[in-house]
Amino acid sequence: MINHVWGLIHHPDKEWRAINEEHETVSHMFYHHVLWMAAIPVVSTFIGTTQFGWTIGNESIKVSMMDGLGLGLLFYALILVAVAAVGSVIHWMARNHANRPPRRECIVFAGYIATPLFLSGIVAIYPIIWLCLLSCVIGIIYTGYLLYRGTPSFLGISNKQGFILSSTTLGIGVLVLEALLAAVVLIWSLGSEHSIIWKFF
């Protein structure tokens, strides 16, 4: 796992070739990569929201340990679903290409693409809104870079075709991320009496 993480950050082209040659199964990729990497933003957010809290104005909003544990598990499940969803999007986008990989390989591809986003979640351990947003933007930028570099070789298409497909996939992926972030904010705020959700009840 660590080898792929370092390789995708340090030399993505070489690492994509190595990943493509492995023909890894979805279960193996999830067990050895996604399940561990997805825990980074979850554990960081758990610590940040239970020990420090989000500071909004002059008020610090924390959640209890038990609420944080339950909400963290839900957050974790959403991340795993998002990875599978983006992989399915890639599979659907590649429907007109002769070398279209099976859905399982597209999900594996999506799991590795998300690596920078997983790593960027570590800043949530001390939740400062502007810092978390900056980290998220950096994660999106590098995720886009991995997508642009990896798509042509993954699908066996030209760089021009890869650019078009990657751009569309990245746009959809950003929408999925925004939906996930909105869900995360609402989920983690459930542990506080100040949550906007409670105003509807």
N, C-alpha and C. Protein backbone atom coordinates (compact mmCIF):
# COMPACT_ATOMS: atom_id res chain seq x y z
N MET A 1 0.82 -1.21 0.00
CA MET A 1 0.00 0.00 0.00
C MET A 1 0.86 1.26 0.00
N ILE A 2 1.84 1.30 0.91
CA ILE A 2 2.69 2.49 1.04
C ILE A 2 3.47 2.74 -0.24
N ASN A 3 3.89 1.66 -0.91
CA ASN A 3 4.64 1.81 -2.16
C ASN A 3 3.81 2.53 -3.21
N HIS A 4 2.53 2.14 -3.34
CA HIS A 4 1.67 2.78 -4.31
C HIS A 4 1.39 4.23 -3.93
N VAL A 5 1.19 4.51 -2.67
CA VAL A 5 0.93 5.88 -2.23
C VAL A 5 2.11 6.77 -2.56
N TRP A 6 3.31 6.33 -2.19
CA TRP A 6 4.50 7.11 -2.48
C TRP A 6 4.72 7.24 -3.98
N GLY A 7 4.49 6.15 -4.71
CA GLY A 7 4.69 6.18 -6.15
C GLY A 7 3.74 7.13 -6.86
N LEU A 8 2.47 7.14 -6.45
CA LEU A 8 1.49 8.02 -7.08
C LEU A 8 1.81 9.49 -6.82
N ILE A 9 2.42 9.77 -5.68
CA ILE A 9 2.79 11.16 -5.36
C ILE A 9 4.11 11.54 -6.03
N HIS A 10 5.06 10.62 -6.04
CA HIS A 10 6.42 10.95 -6.49
C HIS A 10 6.63 10.71 -7.98
N HIS A 11 6.16 9.58 -8.52
CA HIS A 11 6.33 9.27 -9.95
C HIS A 11 5.07 8.57 -10.46
N PRO A 12 4.00 9.32 -10.69
CA PRO A 12 2.70 8.73 -11.05
C PRO A 12 2.71 7.91 -12.33
N ASP A 13 3.45 8.33 -13.37
CA ASP A 13 3.45 7.59 -14.64
C ASP A 13 3.96 6.16 -14.43
N LYS A 14 5.06 6.03 -13.75
CA LYS A 14 5.65 4.72 -13.49
C LYS A 14 4.73 3.89 -12.60
N GLU A 15 4.11 4.54 -11.63
CA GLU A 15 3.25 3.82 -10.69
C GLU A 15 1.96 3.34 -11.38
N TRP A 16 1.41 4.15 -12.29
CA TRP A 16 0.21 3.72 -13.01
C TRP A 16 0.50 2.48 -13.83
N ARG A 17 1.67 2.43 -14.45
CA ARG A 17 2.04 1.24 -15.23
C ARG A 17 2.10 0.00 -14.32
N ALA A 18 2.69 0.19 -13.14
CA ALA A 18 2.80 -0.93 -12.19
C ALA A 18 1.41 -1.38 -11.73
N ILE A 19 0.53 -0.43 -11.46
CA ILE A 19 -0.83 -0.76 -11.00
C ILE A 19 -1.60 -1.49 -12.10
N ASN A 20 -1.46 -1.01 -13.35
CA ASN A 20 -2.17 -1.64 -14.48
C ASN A 20 -1.73 -3.08 -14.70
N GLU A 21 -0.44 -3.35 -14.44
CA GLU A 21 0.08 -4.70 -14.65
C GLU A 21 -0.39 -5.68 -13.57
N GLU A 22 -0.83 -5.15 -12.43
CA GLU A 22 -1.24 -6.02 -11.32
C GLU A 22 -2.61 -6.66 -11.54
N HIS A 23 -3.49 -5.99 -12.29
CA HIS A 23 -4.87 -6.46 -12.49
C HIS A 23 -5.51 -6.81 -11.15
N GLU A 24 -5.44 -5.86 -10.25
CA GLU A 24 -5.88 -6.06 -8.87
C GLU A 24 -7.40 -6.19 -8.78
N THR A 25 -7.87 -7.04 -7.87
CA THR A 25 -9.31 -7.18 -7.66
C THR A 25 -9.81 -6.03 -6.79
N VAL A 26 -11.12 -5.77 -6.86
CA VAL A 26 -11.71 -4.70 -6.04
C VAL A 26 -11.53 -5.00 -4.56
N SER A 27 -11.76 -6.24 -4.16
CA SER A 27 -11.65 -6.59 -2.74
C SER A 27 -10.22 -6.41 -2.24
N HIS A 28 -9.25 -6.79 -3.05
CA HIS A 28 -7.84 -6.62 -2.65
C HIS A 28 -7.48 -5.15 -2.54
N MET A 29 -7.93 -4.35 -3.51
CA MET A 29 -7.63 -2.92 -3.48
C MET A 29 -8.29 -2.24 -2.28
N PHE A 30 -9.55 -2.59 -2.01
CA PHE A 30 -10.23 -2.00 -0.86
C PHE A 30 -9.53 -2.39 0.43
N TYR A 31 -9.18 -3.66 0.56
CA TYR A 31 -8.57 -4.13 1.81
C TYR A 31 -7.18 -3.56 2.02
N HIS A 32 -6.40 -3.46 0.96
CA HIS A 32 -5.01 -3.03 1.09
C HIS A 32 -4.79 -1.54 0.85
N HIS A 33 -5.79 -0.84 0.35
CA HIS A 33 -5.58 0.58 0.07
C HIS A 33 -6.72 1.46 0.58
N VAL A 34 -7.91 1.31 0.00
CA VAL A 34 -9.00 2.25 0.30
C VAL A 34 -9.43 2.21 1.76
N LEU A 35 -9.59 1.02 2.33
CA LEU A 35 -10.05 0.93 3.72
C LEU A 35 -9.10 1.63 4.68
N TRP A 36 -7.82 1.57 4.38
CA TRP A 36 -6.82 2.22 5.23
C TRP A 36 -6.74 3.72 4.94
N MET A 37 -6.70 4.08 3.67
CA MET A 37 -6.56 5.49 3.32
C MET A 37 -7.82 6.29 3.67
N ALA A 38 -9.00 5.67 3.49
CA ALA A 38 -10.24 6.36 3.83
C ALA A 38 -10.37 6.62 5.31
N ALA A 39 -9.62 5.86 6.11
CA ALA A 39 -9.66 6.06 7.57
C ALA A 39 -8.95 7.35 7.98
N ILE A 40 -8.08 7.88 7.12
CA ILE A 40 -7.34 9.10 7.47
C ILE A 40 -8.28 10.28 7.72
N PRO A 41 -9.16 10.66 6.76
CA PRO A 41 -10.07 11.77 7.03
C PRO A 41 -11.09 11.46 8.12
N VAL A 42 -11.48 10.18 8.24
CA VAL A 42 -12.48 9.82 9.25
C VAL A 42 -11.90 9.96 10.65
N VAL A 43 -10.74 9.37 10.89
CA VAL A 43 -10.10 9.45 12.21
C VAL A 43 -9.72 10.89 12.54
N SER A 44 -9.20 11.61 11.53
CA SER A 44 -8.81 13.01 11.75
C SER A 44 -10.02 13.86 12.13
N THR A 45 -11.13 13.66 11.41
CA THR A 45 -12.34 14.43 11.71
C THR A 45 -12.91 14.05 13.07
N PHE A 46 -12.83 12.77 13.41
CA PHE A 46 -13.30 12.31 14.73
C PHE A 46 -12.53 13.01 15.85
N ILE A 47 -11.21 13.01 15.73
CA ILE A 47 -10.38 13.68 16.74
C ILE A 47 -10.66 15.17 16.77
N GLY A 48 -10.73 15.77 15.58
CA GLY A 48 -10.93 17.22 15.51
C GLY A 48 -12.26 17.67 16.08
N THR A 49 -13.33 16.92 15.79
CA THR A 49 -14.66 17.36 16.25
C THR A 49 -14.94 17.01 17.70
N THR A 50 -14.27 15.98 18.22
CA THR A 50 -14.53 15.59 19.61
C THR A 50 -13.56 16.26 20.59
N GLN A 51 -12.35 16.58 20.14
CA GLN A 51 -11.35 17.14 21.05
C GLN A 51 -11.18 18.66 20.92
N PHE A 52 -11.32 19.17 19.70
CA PHE A 52 -11.10 20.60 19.48
C PHE A 52 -12.38 21.32 19.07
N GLY A 53 -13.11 20.72 18.16
CA GLY A 53 -14.36 21.33 17.69
C GLY A 53 -14.13 22.33 16.57
N TRP A 54 -15.19 22.56 15.81
CA TRP A 54 -15.15 23.57 14.74
C TRP A 54 -15.41 24.93 15.36
N THR A 55 -14.58 25.88 15.03
CA THR A 55 -14.75 27.23 15.54
C THR A 55 -15.49 28.07 14.52
N ILE A 56 -16.69 28.49 14.89
CA ILE A 56 -17.52 29.34 14.03
C ILE A 56 -17.80 30.63 14.80
N GLY A 57 -17.20 31.70 14.33
CA GLY A 57 -17.30 32.96 15.08
C GLY A 57 -16.51 32.84 16.37
N ASN A 58 -17.17 33.09 17.48
CA ASN A 58 -16.52 32.95 18.78
C ASN A 58 -16.92 31.66 19.49
N GLU A 59 -17.61 30.79 18.78
CA GLU A 59 -18.15 29.59 19.39
C GLU A 59 -17.46 28.34 18.85
N SER A 60 -17.12 27.43 19.74
CA SER A 60 -16.51 26.16 19.35
C SER A 60 -17.57 25.07 19.44
N ILE A 61 -17.78 24.35 18.34
CA ILE A 61 -18.81 23.31 18.29
C ILE A 61 -18.14 21.94 18.31
N LYS A 62 -18.42 21.18 19.37
CA LYS A 62 -17.87 19.85 19.52
C LYS A 62 -19.00 18.82 19.52
N VAL A 63 -18.63 17.55 19.32
CA VAL A 63 -19.59 16.45 19.46
C VAL A 63 -19.04 15.50 20.51
N SER A 64 -19.93 14.72 21.10
CA SER A 64 -19.51 13.75 22.12
C SER A 64 -18.78 12.59 21.47
N MET A 65 -18.07 11.81 22.28
CA MET A 65 -17.32 10.67 21.76
C MET A 65 -18.24 9.65 21.10
N MET A 66 -19.37 9.35 21.74
CA MET A 66 -20.29 8.35 21.19
C MET A 66 -20.93 8.83 19.88
N ASP A 67 -21.35 10.10 19.88
CA ASP A 67 -21.90 10.66 18.64
C ASP A 67 -20.84 10.68 17.54
N GLY A 68 -19.63 11.06 17.92
CA GLY A 68 -18.54 11.11 16.95
C GLY A 68 -18.23 9.75 16.37
N LEU A 69 -18.31 8.69 17.20
CA LEU A 69 -18.04 7.34 16.72
C LEU A 69 -19.09 6.91 15.69
N GLY A 70 -20.35 7.13 16.02
CA GLY A 70 -21.42 6.75 15.10
C GLY A 70 -21.37 7.53 13.81
N LEU A 71 -21.15 8.84 13.93
CA LEU A 71 -21.09 9.69 12.74
C LEU A 71 -19.86 9.38 11.91
N GLY A 72 -18.78 9.01 12.58
CA GLY A 72 -17.56 8.64 11.86
C GLY A 72 -17.75 7.40 11.02
N LEU A 73 -18.45 6.40 11.56
CA LEU A 73 -18.73 5.18 10.80
C LEU A 73 -19.59 5.49 9.57
N LEU A 74 -20.55 6.40 9.74
CA LEU A 74 -21.39 6.79 8.61
C LEU A 74 -20.58 7.53 7.55
N PHE A 75 -19.71 8.41 7.99
CA PHE A 75 -18.80 9.14 7.10
C PHE A 75 -17.93 8.16 6.33
N TYR A 76 -17.40 7.16 7.02
CA TYR A 76 -16.55 6.14 6.42
C TYR A 76 -17.29 5.39 5.32
N ALA A 77 -18.54 5.01 5.60
CA ALA A 77 -19.35 4.29 4.62
C ALA A 77 -19.61 5.15 3.39
N LEU A 78 -19.85 6.45 3.60
CA LEU A 78 -20.10 7.35 2.47
C LEU A 78 -18.88 7.46 1.57
N ILE A 79 -17.69 7.47 2.15
CA ILE A 79 -16.47 7.54 1.36
C ILE A 79 -16.33 6.30 0.48
N LEU A 80 -16.58 5.14 1.05
CA LEU A 80 -16.48 3.89 0.29
C LEU A 80 -17.49 3.86 -0.86
N VAL A 81 -18.70 4.32 -0.58
CA VAL A 81 -19.72 4.39 -1.63
C VAL A 81 -19.31 5.36 -2.72
N ALA A 82 -18.71 6.50 -2.34
CA ALA A 82 -18.27 7.50 -3.31
C ALA A 82 -17.20 6.94 -4.24
N VAL A 83 -16.27 6.16 -3.70
CA VAL A 83 -15.22 5.55 -4.53
C VAL A 83 -15.84 4.61 -5.56
N ALA A 84 -16.78 3.78 -5.12
CA ALA A 84 -17.45 2.86 -6.04
C ALA A 84 -18.26 3.63 -7.09
N ALA A 85 -18.88 4.74 -6.67
CA ALA A 85 -19.69 5.54 -7.59
C ALA A 85 -18.82 6.17 -8.68
N VAL A 86 -17.68 6.72 -8.29
CA VAL A 86 -16.79 7.34 -9.28
C VAL A 86 -16.23 6.28 -10.22
N GLY A 87 -15.91 5.10 -9.69
CA GLY A 87 -15.46 4.00 -10.56
C GLY A 87 -16.51 3.61 -11.57
N SER A 88 -17.77 3.59 -11.15
CA SER A 88 -18.87 3.28 -12.07
C SER A 88 -19.03 4.36 -13.12
N VAL A 89 -18.80 5.62 -12.73
CA VAL A 89 -18.86 6.73 -13.69
C VAL A 89 -17.77 6.56 -14.76
N ILE A 90 -16.56 6.21 -14.32
CA ILE A 90 -15.46 6.00 -15.27
C ILE A 90 -15.80 4.87 -16.23
N HIS A 91 -16.37 3.80 -15.70
CA HIS A 91 -16.77 2.66 -16.54
C HIS A 91 -17.82 3.08 -17.56
N TRP A 92 -18.77 3.90 -17.13
CA TRP A 92 -19.82 4.37 -18.04
C TRP A 92 -19.26 5.32 -19.09
N MET A 93 -18.35 6.20 -18.68
CA MET A 93 -17.75 7.16 -19.61
C MET A 93 -16.92 6.46 -20.69
N ALA A 94 -16.38 5.29 -20.35
CA ALA A 94 -15.51 4.58 -21.30
C ALA A 94 -16.28 3.62 -22.20
N ARG A 95 -17.61 3.73 -22.22
CA ARG A 95 -18.45 2.77 -22.94
C ARG A 95 -18.20 2.76 -24.45
N ASN A 96 -17.70 3.86 -25.02
CA ASN A 96 -17.50 3.94 -26.47
C ASN A 96 -16.08 3.58 -26.89
N HIS A 97 -15.25 3.16 -25.93
CA HIS A 97 -13.86 2.84 -26.25
C HIS A 97 -13.69 1.32 -26.37
N ALA A 98 -12.90 0.92 -27.35
CA ALA A 98 -12.73 -0.51 -27.64
C ALA A 98 -12.10 -1.26 -26.47
N ASN A 99 -11.17 -0.61 -25.77
CA ASN A 99 -10.47 -1.27 -24.67
C ASN A 99 -11.10 -0.95 -23.32
N ARG A 100 -12.42 -0.84 -23.30
CA ARG A 100 -13.13 -0.51 -22.06
C ARG A 100 -12.86 -1.57 -20.99
N PRO A 101 -12.29 -1.17 -19.85
CA PRO A 101 -12.02 -2.14 -18.79
C PRO A 101 -13.32 -2.54 -18.09
N PRO A 102 -13.32 -3.68 -17.41
CA PRO A 102 -14.51 -4.07 -16.63
C PRO A 102 -14.72 -3.10 -15.48
N ARG A 103 -15.92 -3.09 -14.93
CA ARG A 103 -16.27 -2.16 -13.86
C ARG A 103 -15.32 -2.29 -12.66
N ARG A 104 -14.94 -3.52 -12.33
CA ARG A 104 -14.09 -3.72 -11.15
C ARG A 104 -12.75 -3.00 -11.31
N GLU A 105 -12.18 -3.01 -12.53
CA GLU A 105 -10.91 -2.33 -12.74
C GLU A 105 -11.09 -0.81 -12.69
N CYS A 106 -12.24 -0.32 -13.11
CA CYS A 106 -12.52 1.12 -13.02
C CYS A 106 -12.64 1.56 -11.57
N ILE A 107 -13.22 0.71 -10.73
CA ILE A 107 -13.34 1.03 -9.31
C ILE A 107 -11.96 1.02 -8.66
N VAL A 108 -11.11 0.06 -9.06
CA VAL A 108 -9.74 0.04 -8.56
C VAL A 108 -9.02 1.33 -8.95
N PHE A 109 -9.19 1.72 -10.21
CA PHE A 109 -8.59 2.96 -10.71
C PHE A 109 -9.06 4.16 -9.89
N ALA A 110 -10.36 4.23 -9.63
CA ALA A 110 -10.92 5.34 -8.84
C ALA A 110 -10.37 5.34 -7.42
N GLY A 111 -10.17 4.15 -6.85
CA GLY A 111 -9.62 4.07 -5.50
C GLY A 111 -8.24 4.66 -5.39
N TYR A 112 -7.42 4.44 -6.40
CA TYR A 112 -6.06 5.01 -6.39
C TYR A 112 -6.06 6.50 -6.73
N ILE A 113 -6.98 6.91 -7.60
CA ILE A 113 -7.08 8.33 -7.94
C ILE A 113 -7.39 9.17 -6.71
N ALA A 114 -8.19 8.61 -5.80
CA ALA A 114 -8.63 9.35 -4.62
C ALA A 114 -7.55 9.51 -3.55
N THR A 115 -6.37 8.92 -3.76
CA THR A 115 -5.30 8.96 -2.76
C THR A 115 -4.99 10.37 -2.25
N PRO A 116 -4.80 11.37 -3.13
CA PRO A 116 -4.51 12.72 -2.61
C PRO A 116 -5.63 13.29 -1.74
N LEU A 117 -6.88 12.97 -2.07
CA LEU A 117 -8.00 13.46 -1.26
C LEU A 117 -7.99 12.81 0.11
N PHE A 118 -7.68 11.52 0.15
CA PHE A 118 -7.57 10.83 1.44
C PHE A 118 -6.49 11.50 2.30
N LEU A 119 -5.35 11.75 1.69
CA LEU A 119 -4.23 12.34 2.43
C LEU A 119 -4.55 13.76 2.91
N SER A 120 -5.28 14.51 2.10
CA SER A 120 -5.61 15.89 2.46
C SER A 120 -6.51 15.95 3.70
N GLY A 121 -7.21 14.84 4.00
CA GLY A 121 -8.11 14.83 5.13
C GLY A 121 -7.43 14.89 6.48
N ILE A 122 -6.10 14.72 6.51
CA ILE A 122 -5.39 14.71 7.78
C ILE A 122 -5.46 16.06 8.50
N VAL A 123 -5.68 17.14 7.74
CA VAL A 123 -5.72 18.46 8.38
C VAL A 123 -6.97 18.64 9.25
N ALA A 124 -7.96 17.78 9.06
CA ALA A 124 -9.18 17.87 9.87
C ALA A 124 -8.94 17.50 11.32
N ILE A 125 -7.74 17.03 11.63
CA ILE A 125 -7.42 16.69 13.02
C ILE A 125 -7.45 17.93 13.91
N TYR A 126 -7.19 19.08 13.31
CA TYR A 126 -7.37 20.36 14.02
C TYR A 126 -8.19 21.24 13.09
N PRO A 127 -9.51 21.17 13.19
CA PRO A 127 -10.41 21.73 12.17
C PRO A 127 -10.48 23.26 12.11
N ILE A 128 -9.66 23.80 11.22
CA ILE A 128 -9.72 25.23 10.89
C ILE A 128 -10.32 25.30 9.49
N ILE A 129 -11.40 26.00 9.34
CA ILE A 129 -12.16 25.95 8.09
C ILE A 129 -11.32 26.31 6.87
N TRP A 130 -10.57 27.42 6.93
CA TRP A 130 -9.82 27.85 5.76
C TRP A 130 -8.71 26.85 5.41
N LEU A 131 -8.11 26.25 6.45
CA LEU A 131 -7.04 25.28 6.21
C LEU A 131 -7.60 23.99 5.59
N CYS A 132 -8.76 23.56 6.07
CA CYS A 132 -9.41 22.36 5.51
C CYS A 132 -9.81 22.59 4.05
N LEU A 133 -10.32 23.78 3.76
CA LEU A 133 -10.69 24.11 2.38
C LEU A 133 -9.47 24.14 1.47
N LEU A 134 -8.38 24.74 1.95
CA LEU A 134 -7.14 24.80 1.18
C LEU A 134 -6.61 23.40 0.91
N SER A 135 -6.61 22.57 1.93
CA SER A 135 -6.14 21.20 1.79
C SER A 135 -7.00 20.43 0.80
N CYS A 136 -8.31 20.64 0.84
CA CYS A 136 -9.24 19.98 -0.07
C CYS A 136 -8.97 20.40 -1.52
N VAL A 137 -8.73 21.69 -1.74
CA VAL A 137 -8.44 22.19 -3.08
C VAL A 137 -7.15 21.58 -3.63
N ILE A 138 -6.12 21.51 -2.78
CA ILE A 138 -4.85 20.89 -3.19
C ILE A 138 -5.07 19.42 -3.53
N GLY A 139 -5.87 18.74 -2.72
CA GLY A 139 -6.17 17.33 -2.98
C GLY A 139 -6.89 17.14 -4.30
N ILE A 140 -7.84 18.03 -4.60
CA ILE A 140 -8.59 17.95 -5.86
C ILE A 140 -7.66 18.18 -7.05
N ILE A 141 -6.77 19.16 -6.93
CA ILE A 141 -5.85 19.48 -8.02
C ILE A 141 -4.94 18.28 -8.33
N TYR A 142 -4.40 17.66 -7.28
CA TYR A 142 -3.50 16.53 -7.54
C TYR A 142 -4.27 15.29 -7.99
N THR A 143 -5.49 15.15 -7.49
CA THR A 143 -6.34 14.06 -7.96
C THR A 143 -6.62 14.21 -9.46
N GLY A 144 -6.90 15.46 -9.88
CA GLY A 144 -7.10 15.73 -11.30
C GLY A 144 -5.87 15.41 -12.11
N TYR A 145 -4.70 15.73 -11.57
CA TYR A 145 -3.43 15.44 -12.24
C TYR A 145 -3.26 13.93 -12.43
N LEU A 146 -3.54 13.15 -11.36
CA LEU A 146 -3.43 11.70 -11.46
C LEU A 146 -4.41 11.15 -12.49
N LEU A 147 -5.59 11.73 -12.53
CA LEU A 147 -6.61 11.30 -13.48
C LEU A 147 -6.15 11.55 -14.91
N TYR A 148 -5.61 12.75 -15.17
CA TYR A 148 -5.14 13.10 -16.51
C TYR A 148 -3.96 12.23 -16.94
N ARG A 149 -3.07 11.93 -16.00
CA ARG A 149 -1.90 11.13 -16.34
C ARG A 149 -2.23 9.65 -16.50
N GLY A 150 -3.20 9.17 -15.72
CA GLY A 150 -3.46 7.74 -15.70
C GLY A 150 -4.48 7.25 -16.70
N THR A 151 -5.43 8.11 -17.11
CA THR A 151 -6.52 7.68 -17.98
C THR A 151 -6.06 7.15 -19.34
N PRO A 152 -5.16 7.84 -20.07
CA PRO A 152 -4.76 7.32 -21.40
C PRO A 152 -4.20 5.89 -21.35
N SER A 153 -3.30 5.62 -20.40
CA SER A 153 -2.72 4.28 -20.32
C SER A 153 -3.73 3.27 -19.79
N PHE A 154 -4.60 3.70 -18.90
CA PHE A 154 -5.59 2.80 -18.32
C PHE A 154 -6.59 2.32 -19.37
N LEU A 155 -7.03 3.23 -20.23
CA LEU A 155 -8.02 2.89 -21.25
C LEU A 155 -7.40 2.57 -22.61
N GLY A 156 -6.08 2.78 -22.74
CA GLY A 156 -5.42 2.52 -24.02
C GLY A 156 -5.87 3.49 -25.10
N ILE A 157 -6.00 4.78 -24.75
CA ILE A 157 -6.45 5.80 -25.70
C ILE A 157 -5.40 6.90 -25.81
N SER A 158 -5.61 7.81 -26.76
CA SER A 158 -4.66 8.90 -26.96
C SER A 158 -4.76 9.91 -25.83
N ASN A 159 -3.75 10.75 -25.73
CA ASN A 159 -3.75 11.78 -24.68
C ASN A 159 -4.91 12.76 -24.87
N LYS A 160 -5.25 13.05 -26.15
CA LYS A 160 -6.36 13.96 -26.43
C LYS A 160 -7.67 13.36 -25.95
N GLN A 161 -7.91 12.10 -26.28
CA GLN A 161 -9.13 11.43 -25.82
C GLN A 161 -9.13 11.31 -24.30
N GLY A 162 -7.96 11.03 -23.75
CA GLY A 162 -7.84 10.92 -22.31
C GLY A 162 -8.15 12.23 -21.61
N PHE A 163 -7.72 13.34 -22.23
CA PHE A 163 -7.97 14.66 -21.64
C PHE A 163 -9.47 14.95 -21.61
N ILE A 164 -10.16 14.64 -22.70
CA ILE A 164 -11.60 14.90 -22.78
C ILE A 164 -12.35 14.06 -21.74
N LEU A 165 -12.02 12.76 -21.72
CA LEU A 165 -12.71 11.87 -20.78
C LEU A 165 -12.38 12.22 -19.34
N SER A 166 -11.12 12.57 -19.08
CA SER A 166 -10.70 12.92 -17.72
C SER A 166 -11.38 14.19 -17.23
N SER A 167 -11.52 15.16 -18.13
CA SER A 167 -12.16 16.42 -17.76
C SER A 167 -13.60 16.20 -17.34
N THR A 168 -14.31 15.38 -18.13
CA THR A 168 -15.71 15.08 -17.79
C THR A 168 -15.80 14.31 -16.50
N THR A 169 -14.94 13.31 -16.35
CA THR A 169 -14.93 12.50 -15.13
C THR A 169 -14.60 13.35 -13.91
N LEU A 170 -13.62 14.25 -14.07
CA LEU A 170 -13.24 15.12 -12.95
C LEU A 170 -14.40 16.02 -12.55
N GLY A 171 -15.11 16.55 -13.56
CA GLY A 171 -16.27 17.40 -13.25
C GLY A 171 -17.32 16.65 -12.46
N ILE A 172 -17.62 15.42 -12.90
CA ILE A 172 -18.60 14.61 -12.17
C ILE A 172 -18.06 14.25 -10.79
N GLY A 173 -16.77 13.95 -10.73
CA GLY A 173 -16.15 13.61 -9.46
C GLY A 173 -16.20 14.75 -8.46
N VAL A 174 -16.00 15.98 -8.95
CA VAL A 174 -16.09 17.15 -8.06
C VAL A 174 -17.51 17.32 -7.53
N LEU A 175 -18.50 17.05 -8.39
CA LEU A 175 -19.89 17.12 -7.93
C LEU A 175 -20.15 16.08 -6.84
N VAL A 176 -19.61 14.87 -7.05
CA VAL A 176 -19.76 13.82 -6.03
C VAL A 176 -19.07 14.26 -4.74
N LEU A 177 -17.88 14.87 -4.87
CA LEU A 177 -17.16 15.34 -3.69
C LEU A 177 -17.93 16.43 -2.96
N GLU A 178 -18.50 17.36 -3.72
CA GLU A 178 -19.28 18.43 -3.09
C GLU A 178 -20.48 17.86 -2.34
N ALA A 179 -21.14 16.88 -2.96
CA ALA A 179 -22.27 16.24 -2.28
C ALA A 179 -21.80 15.53 -1.01
N LEU A 180 -20.62 14.89 -1.10
CA LEU A 180 -20.07 14.19 0.07
C LEU A 180 -19.71 15.18 1.17
N LEU A 181 -19.09 16.31 0.79
CA LEU A 181 -18.72 17.31 1.79
C LEU A 181 -19.95 17.91 2.46
N ALA A 182 -20.99 18.17 1.65
CA ALA A 182 -22.23 18.69 2.23
C ALA A 182 -22.82 17.69 3.21
N ALA A 183 -22.79 16.40 2.82
CA ALA A 183 -23.31 15.36 3.71
C ALA A 183 -22.47 15.26 4.97
N VAL A 184 -21.15 15.42 4.82
CA VAL A 184 -20.25 15.35 5.98
C VAL A 184 -20.55 16.46 6.97
N VAL A 185 -20.70 17.68 6.44
CA VAL A 185 -20.99 18.82 7.33
C VAL A 185 -22.29 18.58 8.09
N LEU A 186 -23.31 18.12 7.39
CA LEU A 186 -24.60 17.86 8.04
C LEU A 186 -24.48 16.71 9.03
N ILE A 187 -23.76 15.65 8.63
CA ILE A 187 -23.62 14.48 9.51
C ILE A 187 -22.90 14.85 10.80
N TRP A 188 -21.76 15.53 10.67
CA TRP A 188 -20.98 15.84 11.87
C TRP A 188 -21.67 16.89 12.72
N SER A 189 -22.50 17.73 12.10
CA SER A 189 -23.21 18.73 12.91
C SER A 189 -24.36 18.12 13.70
N LEU A 190 -24.75 16.89 13.33
CA LEU A 190 -25.84 16.23 14.06
C LEU A 190 -25.50 16.02 15.53
N GLY A 191 -24.20 15.92 15.80
CA GLY A 191 -23.79 15.70 17.18
C GLY A 191 -23.84 16.95 18.04
N SER A 192 -24.19 18.08 17.44
CA SER A 192 -24.25 19.34 18.19
C SER A 192 -25.68 19.86 18.22
N GLU A 193 -26.03 20.46 19.33
CA GLU A 193 -27.38 21.02 19.46
C GLU A 193 -27.57 22.25 18.58
N HIS A 194 -26.46 22.76 18.02
CA HIS A 194 -26.52 23.94 17.16
C HIS A 194 -26.67 23.57 15.69
N SER A 195 -26.79 22.29 15.38
CA SER A 195 -26.91 21.86 14.00
C SER A 195 -28.12 22.51 13.33
N ILE A 196 -27.91 22.89 12.05
CA ILE A 196 -28.99 23.51 11.29
C ILE A 196 -30.15 22.53 11.10
N ILE A 197 -29.85 21.24 11.12
CA ILE A 197 -30.89 20.23 10.93
C ILE A 197 -31.93 20.29 12.04
N TRP A 198 -31.46 20.52 13.28
CA TRP A 198 -32.40 20.52 14.40
C TRP A 198 -33.38 21.68 14.34
N LYS A 199 -33.08 22.69 13.54
CA LYS A 199 -33.98 23.83 13.43
C LYS A 199 -35.27 23.46 12.68
N PHE A 200 -35.24 22.31 11.97
CA PHE A 200 -36.43 21.89 11.24
C PHE A 200 -37.34 21.00 12.09
N PHE A 201 -36.90 20.70 13.33
CA PHE A 201 -37.68 19.82 14.18
C PHE A 201 -38.08 20.54 15.47
